[in-house]
Amino acid sequence: MAYFKKPIELKAGFDGTTMTLEQYRSFQESNEIDYKYDENQYIKELTDYVSATYGEHYSKNQFQATEFIIDGGHGDGFCIGNIMKYAQRYGNKDGYNRKDILKVLHYALIQLHVHDHAGRD
């Protein structure tokens, strides 16, 4: 369903060329990003890891301790502290453990939530 009576022109690049919204969508669908550092695979792995934490013992009775910590106004310190803890632990306790990296990323995502819900820019 088209919402616009005439095609919208979008800038396609620094050379000043333009394309319609339909052309852009077609271009986007036909050109998958060639992730140089496999970011798409790591994002999927992180998503799977975070999803799995909702079935662990930390989330019994549909509440996580993290919720109470954030609600008590200690979200920043809790998240940043855990990011530092797992970052420093990587390579030391349990060796070069991928799970430590995933925990760093998970607490960084939770910190984004804390940041956004505190009304920060």
PDB file of N, CA and C in Angstrom:
ATOM      1  N   MET A   1       0.840  -1.169   0.000  1.00  0.00           N
ATOM      2  CA  MET A   1       0.000   0.000   0.000  1.00  0.00           C
ATOM      3  C   MET A   1       0.893   1.244   0.000  1.00  0.00           C
ATOM      4  N   ALA A   2       0.669   2.095  -0.937  1.00  0.00           N
ATOM      5  CA  ALA A   2       1.489   3.301  -1.042  1.00  0.00           C
ATOM      6  C   ALA A   2       0.840   4.436  -0.259  1.00  0.00           C
ATOM      7  N   TYR A   3       1.630   5.094   0.543  1.00  0.00           N
ATOM      8  CA  TYR A   3       1.145   6.221   1.329  1.00  0.00           C
ATOM      9  C   TYR A   3       1.433   7.552   0.652  1.00  0.00           C
ATOM     10  N   PHE A   4       2.265   7.519  -0.376  1.00  0.00           N
ATOM     11  CA  PHE A   4       2.677   8.740  -1.038  1.00  0.00           C
ATOM     12  C   PHE A   4       2.151   8.739  -2.472  1.00  0.00           C
ATOM     13  N   LYS A   5       1.724   9.885  -2.934  1.00  0.00           N
ATOM     14  CA  LYS A   5       1.190   9.988  -4.285  1.00  0.00           C
ATOM     15  C   LYS A   5       2.279   9.922  -5.341  1.00  0.00           C
ATOM     16  N   LYS A   6       3.465  10.417  -5.017  1.00  0.00           N
ATOM     17  CA  LYS A   6       4.569  10.337  -5.974  1.00  0.00           C
ATOM     18  C   LYS A   6       5.774   9.727  -5.273  1.00  0.00           C
ATOM     19  N   PRO A   7       6.673   9.084  -6.014  1.00  0.00           N
ATOM     20  CA  PRO A   7       7.842   8.447  -5.388  1.00  0.00           C
ATOM     21  C   PRO A   7       8.690   9.467  -4.629  1.00  0.00           C
ATOM     22  N   ILE A   8       9.197   9.034  -3.493  1.00  0.00           N
ATOM     23  CA  ILE A   8      10.087   9.868  -2.698  1.00  0.00           C
ATOM     24  C   ILE A   8      11.504   9.645  -3.202  1.00  0.00           C
ATOM     25  N   GLU A   9      12.254  10.707  -3.380  1.00  0.00           N
ATOM     26  CA  GLU A   9      13.635  10.564  -3.799  1.00  0.00           C
ATOM     27  C   GLU A   9      14.537  10.568  -2.574  1.00  0.00           C
ATOM     28  N   LEU A  10      15.422   9.597  -2.502  1.00  0.00           N
ATOM     29  CA  LEU A  10      16.383   9.481  -1.408  1.00  0.00           C
ATOM     30  C   LEU A  10      17.784   9.638  -1.968  1.00  0.00           C
ATOM     31  N   LYS A  11      18.644  10.266  -1.207  1.00  0.00           N
ATOM     32  CA  LYS A  11      20.043  10.351  -1.621  1.00  0.00           C
ATOM     33  C   LYS A  11      20.660   8.966  -1.517  1.00  0.00           C
ATOM     34  N   ALA A  12      21.362   8.560  -2.550  1.00  0.00           N
ATOM     35  CA  ALA A  12      21.971   7.240  -2.563  1.00  0.00           C
ATOM     36  C   ALA A  12      23.450   7.277  -2.234  1.00  0.00           C
ATOM     37  N   GLY A  13      24.063   8.425  -2.333  1.00  0.00           N
ATOM     38  CA  GLY A  13      25.484   8.467  -2.060  1.00  0.00           C
ATOM     39  C   GLY A  13      26.023   9.878  -2.166  1.00  0.00           C
ATOM     40  N   PHE A  14      27.331   9.978  -1.997  1.00  0.00           N
ATOM     41  CA  PHE A  14      27.988  11.280  -2.049  1.00  0.00           C
ATOM     42  C   PHE A  14      28.003  11.867  -3.453  1.00  0.00           C
ATOM     43  N   ASP A  15      27.768  11.021  -4.439  1.00  0.00           N
ATOM     44  CA  ASP A  15      27.800  11.520  -5.813  1.00  0.00           C
ATOM     45  C   ASP A  15      26.531  12.270  -6.195  1.00  0.00           C
ATOM     46  N   GLY A  16      25.545  12.332  -5.283  1.00  0.00           N
ATOM     47  CA  GLY A  16      24.335  13.105  -5.524  1.00  0.00           C
ATOM     48  C   GLY A  16      23.241  12.349  -6.247  1.00  0.00           C
ATOM     49  N   THR A  17      23.455  11.079  -6.563  1.00  0.00           N
ATOM     50  CA  THR A  17      22.418  10.309  -7.232  1.00  0.00           C
ATOM     51  C   THR A  17      21.260  10.073  -6.276  1.00  0.00           C
ATOM     52  N   THR A  18      20.081   9.888  -6.834  1.00  0.00           N
ATOM     53  CA  THR A  18      18.879   9.654  -6.020  1.00  0.00           C
ATOM     54  C   THR A  18      18.181   8.396  -6.494  1.00  0.00           C
ATOM     55  N   MET A  19      17.313   7.872  -5.640  1.00  0.00           N
ATOM     56  CA  MET A  19      16.488   6.730  -6.016  1.00  0.00           C
ATOM     57  C   MET A  19      15.163   6.844  -5.275  1.00  0.00           C
ATOM     58  N   THR A  20      14.157   6.174  -5.783  1.00  0.00           N
ATOM     59  CA  THR A  20      12.856   6.179  -5.121  1.00  0.00           C
ATOM     60  C   THR A  20      12.902   5.243  -3.920  1.00  0.00           C
ATOM     61  N   LEU A  21      11.905   5.349  -3.068  1.00  0.00           N
ATOM     62  CA  LEU A  21      11.810   4.475  -1.904  1.00  0.00           C
ATOM     63  C   LEU A  21      11.722   3.013  -2.340  1.00  0.00           C
ATOM     64  N   GLU A  22      10.988   2.746  -3.386  1.00  0.00           N
ATOM     65  CA  GLU A  22      10.867   1.373  -3.896  1.00  0.00           C
ATOM     66  C   GLU A  22      12.211   0.853  -4.396  1.00  0.00           C
ATOM     67  N   GLN A  23      12.965   1.711  -5.090  1.00  0.00           N
ATOM     68  CA  GLN A  23      14.291   1.321  -5.569  1.00  0.00           C
ATOM     69  C   GLN A  23      15.227   1.042  -4.397  1.00  0.00           C
ATOM     70  N   TYR A  24      15.138   1.870  -3.355  1.00  0.00           N
ATOM     71  CA  TYR A  24      15.983   1.678  -2.175  1.00  0.00           C
ATOM     72  C   TYR A  24      15.663   0.362  -1.491  1.00  0.00           C
ATOM     73  N   ARG A  25      14.382   0.062  -1.317  1.00  0.00           N
ATOM     74  CA  ARG A  25      13.988  -1.212  -0.692  1.00  0.00           C
ATOM     75  C   ARG A  25      14.498  -2.391  -1.502  1.00  0.00           C
ATOM     76  N   SER A  26      14.376  -2.317  -2.810  1.00  0.00           N
ATOM     77  CA  SER A  26      14.873  -3.380  -3.681  1.00  0.00           C
ATOM     78  C   SER A  26      16.385  -3.524  -3.552  1.00  0.00           C
ATOM     79  N   PHE A  27      17.086  -2.382  -3.518  1.00  0.00           N
ATOM     80  CA  PHE A  27      18.540  -2.384  -3.351  1.00  0.00           C
ATOM     81  C   PHE A  27      18.923  -3.017  -2.019  1.00  0.00           C
ATOM     82  N   GLN A  28      18.206  -2.636  -0.956  1.00  0.00           N
ATOM     83  CA  GLN A  28      18.515  -3.131   0.385  1.00  0.00           C
ATOM     84  C   GLN A  28      18.305  -4.639   0.475  1.00  0.00           C
ATOM     85  N   GLU A  29      17.228  -5.146  -0.132  1.00  0.00           N
ATOM     86  CA  GLU A  29      16.930  -6.578  -0.089  1.00  0.00           C
ATOM     87  C   GLU A  29      17.936  -7.389  -0.896  1.00  0.00           C
ATOM     88  N   SER A  30      18.440  -6.818  -1.987  1.00  0.00           N
ATOM     89  CA  SER A  30      19.332  -7.576  -2.868  1.00  0.00           C
ATOM     90  C   SER A  30      20.802  -7.484  -2.458  1.00  0.00           C
ATOM     91  N   ASN A  31      21.123  -6.618  -1.514  1.00  0.00           N
ATOM     92  CA  ASN A  31      22.513  -6.432  -1.116  1.00  0.00           C
ATOM     93  C   ASN A  31      22.696  -6.714   0.375  1.00  0.00           C
ATOM     94  N   GLU A  32      22.958  -7.973   0.691  1.00  0.00           N
ATOM     95  CA  GLU A  32      23.237  -8.295   2.084  1.00  0.00           C
ATOM     96  C   GLU A  32      24.570  -7.676   2.486  1.00  0.00           C
ATOM     97  N   ILE A  33      24.653  -7.284   3.729  1.00  0.00           N
ATOM     98  CA  ILE A  33      25.890  -6.695   4.232  1.00  0.00           C
ATOM     99  C   ILE A  33      26.926  -7.792   4.393  1.00  0.00           C
ATOM    100  N   ASP A  34      28.118  -7.541   3.923  1.00  0.00           N
ATOM    101  CA  ASP A  34      29.231  -8.464   4.091  1.00  0.00           C
ATOM    102  C   ASP A  34      29.973  -8.026   5.358  1.00  0.00           C
ATOM    103  N   TYR A  35      29.534  -8.547   6.500  1.00  0.00           N
ATOM    104  CA  TYR A  35      30.109  -8.145   7.778  1.00  0.00           C
ATOM    105  C   TYR A  35      31.573  -8.580   7.843  1.00  0.00           C
ATOM    106  N   LYS A  36      32.430  -7.615   7.985  1.00  0.00           N
ATOM    107  CA  LYS A  36      33.867  -7.866   7.989  1.00  0.00           C
ATOM    108  C   LYS A  36      34.303  -8.666   9.218  1.00  0.00           C
ATOM    109  N   TYR A  37      33.640  -8.444  10.345  1.00  0.00           N
ATOM    110  CA  TYR A  37      34.041  -9.093  11.597  1.00  0.00           C
ATOM    111  C   TYR A  37      32.976 -10.067  12.104  1.00  0.00           C
ATOM    112  N   ASP A  38      32.125 -10.559  11.222  1.00  0.00           N
ATOM    113  CA  ASP A  38      31.080 -11.537  11.560  1.00  0.00           C
ATOM    114  C   ASP A  38      30.117 -11.028  12.630  1.00  0.00           C
ATOM    115  N   GLU A  39      29.896  -9.705  12.668  1.00  0.00           N
ATOM    116  CA  GLU A  39      29.021  -9.125  13.697  1.00  0.00           C
ATOM    117  C   GLU A  39      27.638  -9.758  13.700  1.00  0.00           C
ATOM    118  N   ASN A  40      27.087 -10.083  12.534  1.00  0.00           N
ATOM    119  CA  ASN A  40      25.753 -10.677  12.477  1.00  0.00           C
ATOM    120  C   ASN A  40      25.702 -12.003  13.233  1.00  0.00           C
ATOM    121  N   GLN A  41      26.760 -12.788  13.141  1.00  0.00           N
ATOM    122  CA  GLN A  41      26.805 -14.070  13.859  1.00  0.00           C
ATOM    123  C   GLN A  41      26.917 -13.842  15.370  1.00  0.00           C
ATOM    124  N   TYR A  42      27.711 -12.849  15.762  1.00  0.00           N
ATOM    125  CA  TYR A  42      27.888 -12.567  17.188  1.00  0.00           C
ATOM    126  C   TYR A  42      26.626 -11.968  17.800  1.00  0.00           C
ATOM    127  N   ILE A  43      25.903 -11.176  17.030  1.00  0.00           N
ATOM    128  CA  ILE A  43      24.632 -10.630  17.523  1.00  0.00           C
ATOM    129  C   ILE A  43      23.640 -11.766  17.744  1.00  0.00           C
ATOM    130  N   LYS A  44      23.605 -12.724  16.830  1.00  0.00           N
ATOM    131  CA  LYS A  44      22.723 -13.887  17.014  1.00  0.00           C
ATOM    132  C   LYS A  44      23.142 -14.684  18.243  1.00  0.00           C
ATOM    133  N   GLU A  45      24.444 -14.907  18.415  1.00  0.00           N
ATOM    134  CA  GLU A  45      24.927 -15.645  19.588  1.00  0.00           C
ATOM    135  C   GLU A  45      24.553 -14.915  20.871  1.00  0.00           C
ATOM    136  N   LEU A  46      24.701 -13.591  20.884  1.00  0.00           N
ATOM    137  CA  LEU A  46      24.341 -12.801  22.065  1.00  0.00           C
ATOM    138  C   LEU A  46      22.848 -12.891  22.330  1.00  0.00           C
ATOM    139  N   THR A  47      22.036 -12.817  21.284  1.00  0.00           N
ATOM    140  CA  THR A  47      20.585 -12.938  21.442  1.00  0.00           C
ATOM    141  C   THR A  47      20.225 -14.290  22.048  1.00  0.00           C
ATOM    142  N   ASP A  48      20.837 -15.349  21.549  1.00  0.00           N
ATOM    143  CA  ASP A  48      20.576 -16.691  22.082  1.00  0.00           C
ATOM    144  C   ASP A  48      21.007 -16.783  23.550  1.00  0.00           C
ATOM    145  N   TYR A  49      22.166 -16.208  23.871  1.00  0.00           N
ATOM    146  CA  TYR A  49      22.667 -16.230  25.248  1.00  0.00           C
ATOM    147  C   TYR A  49      21.712 -15.492  26.194  1.00  0.00           C
ATOM    148  N   VAL A  50      21.315 -14.276  25.808  1.00  0.00           N
ATOM    149  CA  VAL A  50      20.418 -13.485  26.656  1.00  0.00           C
ATOM    150  C   VAL A  50      19.089 -14.210  26.836  1.00  0.00           C
ATOM    151  N   SER A  51      18.556 -14.763  25.763  1.00  0.00           N
ATOM    152  CA  SER A  51      17.290 -15.492  25.853  1.00  0.00           C
ATOM    153  C   SER A  51      17.386 -16.661  26.824  1.00  0.00           C
ATOM    154  N   ALA A  52      18.513 -17.358  26.800  1.00  0.00           N
ATOM    155  CA  ALA A  52      18.707 -18.512  27.687  1.00  0.00           C
ATOM    156  C   ALA A  52      18.753 -18.102  29.154  1.00  0.00           C
ATOM    157  N   THR A  53      19.178 -16.867  29.454  1.00  0.00           N
ATOM    158  CA  THR A  53      19.259 -16.442  30.858  1.00  0.00           C
ATOM    159  C   THR A  53      17.883 -16.315  31.487  1.00  0.00           C
ATOM    160  N   TYR A  54      16.847 -16.170  30.682  1.00  0.00           N
ATOM    161  CA  TYR A  54      15.496 -16.047  31.228  1.00  0.00           C
ATOM    162  C   TYR A  54      14.942 -17.379  31.717  1.00  0.00           C
ATOM    163  N   GLY A  55      15.627 -18.465  31.427  1.00  0.00           N
ATOM    164  CA  GLY A  55      15.208 -19.759  31.931  1.00  0.00           C
ATOM    165  C   GLY A  55      16.069 -20.250  33.086  1.00  0.00           C
ATOM    166  N   GLU A  56      17.074 -19.473  33.478  1.00  0.00           N
ATOM    167  CA  GLU A  56      17.980 -19.875  34.549  1.00  0.00           C
ATOM    168  C   GLU A  56      17.375 -19.582  35.915  1.00  0.00           C
ATOM    169  N   HIS A  57      18.029 -20.077  36.944  1.00  0.00           N
ATOM    170  CA  HIS A  57      17.527 -19.924  38.309  1.00  0.00           C
ATOM    171  C   HIS A  57      17.498 -18.479  38.777  1.00  0.00           C
ATOM    172  N   TYR A  58      18.199 -17.593  38.079  1.00  0.00           N
ATOM    173  CA  TYR A  58      18.209 -16.184  38.476  1.00  0.00           C
ATOM    174  C   TYR A  58      16.874 -15.499  38.192  1.00  0.00           C
ATOM    175  N   SER A  59      16.033 -16.126  37.384  1.00  0.00           N
ATOM    176  CA  SER A  59      14.775 -15.488  37.011  1.00  0.00           C
ATOM    177  C   SER A  59      13.565 -16.241  37.564  1.00  0.00           C
ATOM    178  N   LYS A  60      13.698 -16.860  38.695  1.00  0.00           N
ATOM    179  CA  LYS A  60      12.588 -17.586  39.302  1.00  0.00           C
ATOM    180  C   LYS A  60      11.453 -16.627  39.643  1.00  0.00           C
ATOM    181  N   ASN A  61      10.245 -17.150  39.608  1.00  0.00           N
ATOM    182  CA  ASN A  61       9.039 -16.376  39.923  1.00  0.00           C
ATOM    183  C   ASN A  61       8.893 -15.146  39.038  1.00  0.00           C
ATOM    184  N   GLN A  62       9.449 -15.180  37.843  1.00  0.00           N
ATOM    185  CA  GLN A  62       9.346 -14.128  36.836  1.00  0.00           C
ATOM    186  C   GLN A  62      10.014 -12.816  37.241  1.00  0.00           C
ATOM    187  N   PHE A  63      10.811 -12.821  38.286  1.00  0.00           N
ATOM    188  CA  PHE A  63      11.535 -11.621  38.687  1.00  0.00           C
ATOM    189  C   PHE A  63      13.024 -11.948  38.735  1.00  0.00           C
ATOM    190  N   GLN A  64      13.836 -11.004  38.321  1.00  0.00           N
ATOM    191  CA  GLN A  64      15.275 -11.154  38.421  1.00  0.00           C
ATOM    192  C   GLN A  64      15.774 -10.170  39.468  1.00  0.00           C
ATOM    193  N   ALA A  65      16.811 -10.563  40.180  1.00  0.00           N
ATOM    194  CA  ALA A  65      17.388  -9.669  41.189  1.00  0.00           C
ATOM    195  C   ALA A  65      17.788  -8.344  40.561  1.00  0.00           C
ATOM    196  N   THR A  66      18.209  -8.379  39.308  1.00  0.00           N
ATOM    197  CA  THR A  66      18.610  -7.168  38.601  1.00  0.00           C
ATOM    198  C   THR A  66      17.475  -6.142  38.581  1.00  0.00           C
ATOM    199  N   GLU A  67      16.245  -6.611  38.458  1.00  0.00           N
ATOM    200  CA  GLU A  67      15.097  -5.692  38.459  1.00  0.00           C
ATOM    201  C   GLU A  67      15.017  -4.916  39.761  1.00  0.00           C
ATOM    202  N   PHE A  68      15.200  -5.603  40.863  1.00  0.00           N
ATOM    203  CA  PHE A  68      15.124  -4.948  42.174  1.00  0.00           C
ATOM    204  C   PHE A  68      16.279  -3.958  42.353  1.00  0.00           C
ATOM    205  N   ILE A  69      17.449  -4.334  41.860  1.00  0.00           N
ATOM    206  CA  ILE A  69      18.624  -3.457  41.962  1.00  0.00           C
ATOM    207  C   ILE A  69      18.396  -2.181  41.161  1.00  0.00           C
ATOM    208  N   ILE A  70      17.886  -2.329  39.941  1.00  0.00           N
ATOM    209  CA  ILE A  70      17.614  -1.159  39.096  1.00  0.00           C
ATOM    210  C   ILE A  70      16.506  -0.306  39.707  1.00  0.00           C
ATOM    211  N   ASP A  71      15.431  -0.956  40.164  1.00  0.00           N
ATOM    212  CA  ASP A  71      14.323  -0.220  40.788  1.00  0.00           C
ATOM    213  C   ASP A  71      14.775   0.535  42.032  1.00  0.00           C
ATOM    214  N   GLY A  72      15.796   0.025  42.709  1.00  0.00           N
ATOM    215  CA  GLY A  72      16.323   0.684  43.907  1.00  0.00           C
ATOM    216  C   GLY A  72      17.277   1.826  43.583  1.00  0.00           C
ATOM    217  N   GLY A  73      17.478   2.105  42.285  1.00  0.00           N
ATOM    218  CA  GLY A  73      18.320   3.221  41.877  1.00  0.00           C
ATOM    219  C   GLY A  73      19.796   2.899  41.773  1.00  0.00           C
ATOM    220  N   HIS A  74      20.131   1.620  41.746  1.00  0.00           N
ATOM    221  CA  HIS A  74      21.542   1.223  41.710  1.00  0.00           C
ATOM    222  C   HIS A  74      21.947   0.588  40.382  1.00  0.00           C
ATOM    223  N   GLY A  75      21.152   0.817  39.332  1.00  0.00           N
ATOM    224  CA  GLY A  75      21.393   0.173  38.038  1.00  0.00           C
ATOM    225  C   GLY A  75      22.730   0.521  37.410  1.00  0.00           C
ATOM    226  N   ASP A  76      23.091   1.815  37.442  1.00  0.00           N
ATOM    227  CA  ASP A  76      24.361   2.228  36.826  1.00  0.00           C
ATOM    228  C   ASP A  76      25.543   1.499  37.451  1.00  0.00           C
ATOM    229  N   GLY A  77      25.661   1.578  38.757  1.00  0.00           N
ATOM    230  CA  GLY A  77      26.789   0.955  39.450  1.00  0.00           C
ATOM    231  C   GLY A  77      26.804  -0.552  39.278  1.00  0.00           C
ATOM    232  N   PHE A  78      25.618  -1.165  39.326  1.00  0.00           N
ATOM    233  CA  PHE A  78      25.510  -2.612  39.174  1.00  0.00           C
ATOM    234  C   PHE A  78      25.978  -3.049  37.789  1.00  0.00           C
ATOM    235  N   CYS A  79      25.457  -2.387  36.750  1.00  0.00           N
ATOM    236  CA  CYS A  79      25.809  -2.780  35.381  1.00  0.00           C
ATOM    237  C   CYS A  79      27.274  -2.502  35.069  1.00  0.00           C
ATOM    238  N   ILE A  80      27.734  -1.291  35.371  1.00  0.00           N
ATOM    239  CA  ILE A  80      29.124  -0.937  35.079  1.00  0.00           C
ATOM    240  C   ILE A  80      30.070  -1.812  35.904  1.00  0.00           C
ATOM    241  N   GLY A  81      29.708  -2.074  37.153  1.00  0.00           N
ATOM    242  CA  GLY A  81      30.525  -2.944  37.995  1.00  0.00           C
ATOM    243  C   GLY A  81      30.641  -4.343  37.429  1.00  0.00           C
ATOM    244  N   ASN A  82      29.540  -4.893  36.923  1.00  0.00           N
ATOM    245  CA  ASN A  82      29.577  -6.231  36.338  1.00  0.00           C
ATOM    246  C   ASN A  82      30.334  -6.247  35.011  1.00  0.00           C
ATOM    247  N   ILE A  83      30.200  -5.174  34.230  1.00  0.00           N
ATOM    248  CA  ILE A  83      30.976  -5.087  32.981  1.00  0.00           C
ATOM    249  C   ILE A  83      32.462  -5.142  33.314  1.00  0.00           C
ATOM    250  N   MET A  84      32.875  -4.357  34.315  1.00  0.00           N
ATOM    251  CA  MET A  84      34.290  -4.347  34.714  1.00  0.00           C
ATOM    252  C   MET A  84      34.719  -5.701  35.270  1.00  0.00           C
ATOM    253  N   LYS A  85      33.865  -6.292  36.088  1.00  0.00           N
ATOM    254  CA  LYS A  85      34.187  -7.585  36.699  1.00  0.00           C
ATOM    255  C   LYS A  85      34.463  -8.645  35.637  1.00  0.00           C
ATOM    256  N   TYR A  86      33.539  -8.793  34.680  1.00  0.00           N
ATOM    257  CA  TYR A  86      33.700  -9.849  33.684  1.00  0.00           C
ATOM    258  C   TYR A  86      34.781  -9.514  32.665  1.00  0.00           C
ATOM    259  N   ALA A  87      34.990  -8.241  32.394  1.00  0.00           N
ATOM    260  CA  ALA A  87      36.077  -7.852  31.482  1.00  0.00           C
ATOM    261  C   ALA A  87      37.428  -8.188  32.109  1.00  0.00           C
ATOM    262  N   GLN A  88      37.575  -7.917  33.404  1.00  0.00           N
ATOM    263  CA  GLN A  88      38.841  -8.209  34.088  1.00  0.00           C
ATOM    264  C   GLN A  88      39.025  -9.699  34.318  1.00  0.00           C
ATOM    265  N   ARG A  89      37.949 -10.426  34.441  1.00  0.00           N
ATOM    266  CA  ARG A  89      38.006 -11.859  34.678  1.00  0.00           C
ATOM    267  C   ARG A  89      38.413 -12.628  33.423  1.00  0.00           C
ATOM    268  N   TYR A  90      38.074 -12.070  32.241  1.00  0.00           N
ATOM    269  CA  TYR A  90      38.383 -12.728  30.973  1.00  0.00           C
ATOM    270  C   TYR A  90      39.889 -12.966  30.864  1.00  0.00           C
ATOM    271  N   GLY A  91      40.255 -14.205  30.620  1.00  0.00           N
ATOM    272  CA  GLY A  91      41.665 -14.564  30.482  1.00  0.00           C
ATOM    273  C   GLY A  91      42.309 -14.968  31.791  1.00  0.00           C
ATOM    274  N   ASN A  92      41.641 -14.732  32.895  1.00  0.00           N
ATOM    275  CA  ASN A  92      42.194 -15.091  34.204  1.00  0.00           C
ATOM    276  C   ASN A  92      41.417 -16.264  34.792  1.00  0.00           C
ATOM    277  N   LYS A  93      40.252 -15.993  35.340  1.00  0.00           N
ATOM    278  CA  LYS A  93      39.438 -17.073  35.903  1.00  0.00           C
ATOM    279  C   LYS A  93      38.813 -17.864  34.745  1.00  0.00           C
ATOM    280  N   ASP A  94      38.986 -19.139  34.743  1.00  0.00           N
ATOM    281  CA  ASP A  94      38.485 -20.029  33.690  1.00  0.00           C
ATOM    282  C   ASP A  94      39.086 -19.738  32.315  1.00  0.00           C
ATOM    283  N   GLY A  95      40.236 -19.090  32.279  1.00  0.00           N
ATOM    284  CA  GLY A  95      40.920 -18.827  31.000  1.00  0.00           C
ATOM    285  C   GLY A  95      40.176 -17.843  30.122  1.00  0.00           C
ATOM    286  N   TYR A  96      40.405 -17.954  28.831  1.00  0.00           N
ATOM    287  CA  TYR A  96      39.756 -17.076  27.857  1.00  0.00           C
ATOM    288  C   TYR A  96      38.365 -17.633  27.555  1.00  0.00           C
ATOM    289  N   ASN A  97      37.442 -17.268  28.404  1.00  0.00           N
ATOM    290  CA  ASN A  97      36.109 -17.838  28.426  1.00  0.00           C
ATOM    291  C   ASN A  97      35.136 -16.941  27.648  1.00  0.00           C
ATOM    292  N   ARG A  98      34.558 -17.456  26.570  1.00  0.00           N
ATOM    293  CA  ARG A  98      33.597 -16.696  25.766  1.00  0.00           C
ATOM    294  C   ARG A  98      32.433 -16.191  26.605  1.00  0.00           C
ATOM    295  N   LYS A  99      32.039 -16.972  27.603  1.00  0.00           N
ATOM    296  CA  LYS A  99      30.880 -16.584  28.409  1.00  0.00           C
ATOM    297  C   LYS A  99      31.134 -15.270  29.151  1.00  0.00           C
ATOM    298  N   ASP A 100      32.373 -15.019  29.548  1.00  0.00           N
ATOM    299  CA  ASP A 100      32.689 -13.734  30.184  1.00  0.00           C
ATOM    300  C   ASP A 100      32.432 -12.570  29.222  1.00  0.00           C
ATOM    301  N   ILE A 101      32.785 -12.753  27.969  1.00  0.00           N
ATOM    302  CA  ILE A 101      32.549 -11.698  26.974  1.00  0.00           C
ATOM    303  C   ILE A 101      31.053 -11.500  26.771  1.00  0.00           C
ATOM    304  N   LEU A 102      30.308 -12.596  26.685  1.00  0.00           N
ATOM    305  CA  LEU A 102      28.860 -12.489  26.530  1.00  0.00           C
ATOM    306  C   LEU A 102      28.226 -11.777  27.723  1.00  0.00           C
ATOM    307  N   LYS A 103      28.748 -12.027  28.918  1.00  0.00           N
ATOM    308  CA  LYS A 103      28.232 -11.348  30.105  1.00  0.00           C
ATOM    309  C   LYS A 103      28.519  -9.850  30.058  1.00  0.00           C
ATOM    310  N   VAL A 104      29.694  -9.477  29.586  1.00  0.00           N
ATOM    311  CA  VAL A 104      30.027  -8.053  29.420  1.00  0.00           C
ATOM    312  C   VAL A 104      28.994  -7.406  28.488  1.00  0.00           C
ATOM    313  N   LEU A 105      28.745  -8.046  27.363  1.00  0.00           N
ATOM    314  CA  LEU A 105      27.800  -7.496  26.391  1.00  0.00           C
ATOM    315  C   LEU A 105      26.376  -7.454  26.946  1.00  0.00           C
ATOM    316  N   HIS A 106      25.984  -8.490  27.685  1.00  0.00           N
ATOM    317  CA  HIS A 106      24.645  -8.522  28.266  1.00  0.00           C
ATOM    318  C   HIS A 106      24.464  -7.382  29.270  1.00  0.00           C
ATOM    319  N   TYR A 107      25.438  -7.186  30.158  1.00  0.00           N
ATOM    320  CA  TYR A 107      25.326  -6.089  31.127  1.00  0.00           C
ATOM    321  C   TYR A 107      25.380  -4.733  30.423  1.00  0.00           C
ATOM    322  N   ALA A 108      26.075  -4.647  29.292  1.00  0.00           N
ATOM    323  CA  ALA A 108      26.081  -3.394  28.524  1.00  0.00           C
ATOM    324  C   ALA A 108      24.687  -3.124  27.950  1.00  0.00           C
ATOM    325  N   LEU A 109      24.002  -4.160  27.502  1.00  0.00           N
ATOM    326  CA  LEU A 109      22.632  -3.991  27.014  1.00  0.00           C
ATOM    327  C   LEU A 109      21.695  -3.555  28.140  1.00  0.00           C
ATOM    328  N   ILE A 110      21.858  -4.165  29.303  1.00  0.00           N
ATOM    329  CA  ILE A 110      21.039  -3.767  30.447  1.00  0.00           C
ATOM    330  C   ILE A 110      21.326  -2.314  30.816  1.00  0.00           C
ATOM    331  N   GLN A 111      22.600  -1.905  30.727  1.00  0.00           N
ATOM    332  CA  GLN A 111      22.957  -0.510  31.003  1.00  0.00           C
ATOM    333  C   GLN A 111      22.303   0.431  30.004  1.00  0.00           C
ATOM    334  N   LEU A 112      22.183   0.022  28.752  1.00  0.00           N
ATOM    335  CA  LEU A 112      21.454   0.839  27.782  1.00  0.00           C
ATOM    336  C   LEU A 112      20.012   1.040  28.229  1.00  0.00           C
ATOM    337  N   HIS A 113      19.408  -0.026  28.745  1.00  0.00           N
ATOM    338  CA  HIS A 113      18.039   0.068  29.275  1.00  0.00           C
ATOM    339  C   HIS A 113      17.986   1.054  30.444  1.00  0.00           C
ATOM    340  N   VAL A 114      18.927   0.940  31.375  1.00  0.00           N
ATOM    341  CA  VAL A 114      18.983   1.856  32.528  1.00  0.00           C
ATOM    342  C   VAL A 114      19.141   3.288  32.032  1.00  0.00           C
ATOM    343  N   HIS A 115      20.055   3.477  31.097  1.00  0.00           N
ATOM    344  CA  HIS A 115      20.313   4.805  30.533  1.00  0.00           C
ATOM    345  C   HIS A 115      19.040   5.390  29.922  1.00  0.00           C
ATOM    346  N   ASP A 116      18.381   4.630  29.062  1.00  0.00           N
ATOM    347  CA  ASP A 116      17.204   5.130  28.361  1.00  0.00           C
ATOM    348  C   ASP A 116      16.035   5.398  29.303  1.00  0.00           C
ATOM    349  N   HIS A 117      15.866   4.558  30.320  1.00  0.00           N
ATOM    350  CA  HIS A 117      14.741   4.746  31.239  1.00  0.00           C
ATOM    351  C   HIS A 117      15.002   5.807  32.292  1.00  0.00           C
ATOM    352  N   ALA A 118      16.226   6.311  32.330  1.00  0.00           N
ATOM    353  CA  ALA A 118      16.534   7.419  33.230  1.00  0.00           C
ATOM    354  C   ALA A 118      16.328   8.751  32.510  1.00  0.00           C
ATOM    355  N   GLY A 119      15.908   8.698  31.250  1.00  0.00           N
ATOM    356  CA  GLY A 119      15.648   9.910  30.481  1.00  0.00           C
ATOM    357  C   GLY A 119      16.891  10.659  30.051  1.00  0.00           C
ATOM    358  N   ARG A 120      17.977   9.937  29.882  1.00  0.00           N
ATOM    359  CA  ARG A 120      19.234  10.570  29.461  1.00  0.00           C
ATOM    360  C   ARG A 120      19.288  10.668  27.946  1.00  0.00           C
ATOM    361  N   ASP A 121      20.094  11.594  27.450  1.00  0.00           N
ATOM    362  CA  ASP A 121      20.268  11.736  25.992  1.00  0.00           C
ATOM    363  C   ASP A 121      21.260  10.745  25.465  1.00  0.00           C
TER     364      ASP A 121
END
